[in-house]
Protein backbone atom coordinates (compact mmCIF):
# COMPACT_ATOMS: atom_id res chain seq x y z
CA UNK A 1 16.69 1.97 29.81
CA UNK A 2 20.43 2.25 30.32
CA UNK A 3 21.06 1.24 26.72
CA UNK A 4 18.50 3.77 25.42
CA UNK A 5 19.99 6.56 27.51
CA UNK A 6 23.50 5.56 26.40
CA UNK A 7 22.43 5.67 22.75
CA UNK A 8 20.79 9.06 23.23
CA UNK A 9 23.93 10.46 24.84
CA UNK A 10 26.09 9.19 21.95
CA UNK A 11 24.97 11.79 19.38
CA UNK A 12 26.63 10.10 16.37
CA UNK A 13 25.01 6.74 17.18
CA UNK A 14 21.68 8.41 17.97
CA UNK A 15 21.66 10.36 14.68
CA UNK A 16 22.47 7.20 12.70
CA UNK A 17 19.67 5.32 14.48
CA UNK A 18 17.28 8.19 13.82
CA UNK A 19 18.22 8.45 10.12
CA UNK A 20 17.78 4.69 9.68
CA UNK A 21 14.38 4.85 11.38
CA UNK A 22 13.20 7.60 9.02
CA UNK A 23 14.43 5.66 5.98
CA UNK A 24 12.61 2.53 7.14
CA UNK A 25 9.21 4.17 7.56
CA UNK A 26 6.45 3.46 5.07
CA UNK A 27 3.76 5.80 3.81
CA UNK A 28 0.76 5.76 6.15
CA UNK A 29 -1.63 5.07 3.27
CA UNK A 30 0.33 1.96 2.26
CA UNK A 31 0.35 0.64 5.84
CA UNK A 32 -3.36 1.37 6.32
CA UNK A 33 -4.33 -0.46 3.13
CA UNK A 34 -2.16 -3.43 4.10
CA UNK A 35 -3.94 -3.67 7.47
CA UNK A 36 -7.34 -3.32 5.80
CA UNK A 37 -6.45 -6.17 3.45
CA UNK A 38 -5.43 -8.31 6.42
CA UNK A 39 -8.60 -7.58 8.39
CA UNK A 40 -10.77 -8.31 5.35
CA UNK A 41 -8.81 -11.54 4.71
CA UNK A 42 -9.40 -12.66 8.28
CA UNK A 43 -13.12 -12.11 7.86
CA UNK A 44 -13.18 -13.92 4.50
CA UNK A 45 -13.85 -10.77 2.49
CA UNK A 46 -11.98 -8.68 -0.04
CA UNK A 47 -10.95 -5.05 0.41
CA UNK A 48 -11.64 -2.92 -2.64
CA UNK A 49 -9.85 0.38 -3.09
CA UNK A 50 -12.46 2.43 -4.94
CA UNK A 51 -9.98 5.21 -5.73
CA UNK A 52 -8.08 2.72 -7.92
CA UNK A 53 -11.29 1.44 -9.51
CA UNK A 54 -12.51 4.95 -10.31
CA UNK A 55 -9.11 5.85 -11.79
CA UNK A 56 -9.20 2.75 -14.01
CA UNK A 57 -12.78 3.50 -15.09
CA UNK A 58 -11.59 6.85 -16.45
CA UNK A 59 -8.77 5.17 -18.41
CA UNK A 60 -10.98 2.65 -20.26
CA UNK A 61 -13.17 3.53 -23.21
CA UNK A 62 -16.91 2.98 -22.78
CA UNK A 63 -18.00 -0.45 -24.00
CA UNK A 64 -21.23 -2.30 -24.58
CA UNK A 65 -21.98 -5.90 -25.67
CA UNK A 66 -23.01 -4.58 -29.12
CA UNK A 67 -19.39 -3.44 -29.63
CA UNK A 68 -18.14 -7.02 -29.31
CA UNK A 69 -17.11 -8.78 -32.50
CA UNK A 70 -16.29 -12.46 -32.01
CA UNK A 71 -13.20 -13.83 -33.71
CA UNK A 72 -12.61 -17.33 -34.93
CA UNK A 73 -9.40 -19.07 -33.95
CA UNK A 74 -10.21 -22.20 -35.94
């Protein structure tokens, strides 16, 4: 407690500590997804971020097996 109070009273040191703390923070969404991944890993499952999947679905052209043309590499 004495050290914390001493740091708070030293405004230059306190402001530097505060600035460093703000720079070190991560976006809440990133942290939440990391924890979800860890919880799913511990349970032997996979976390799927459906916002990413839906975004990728929009980027790809529709496809069907009839559109496939095999190629020969021989």
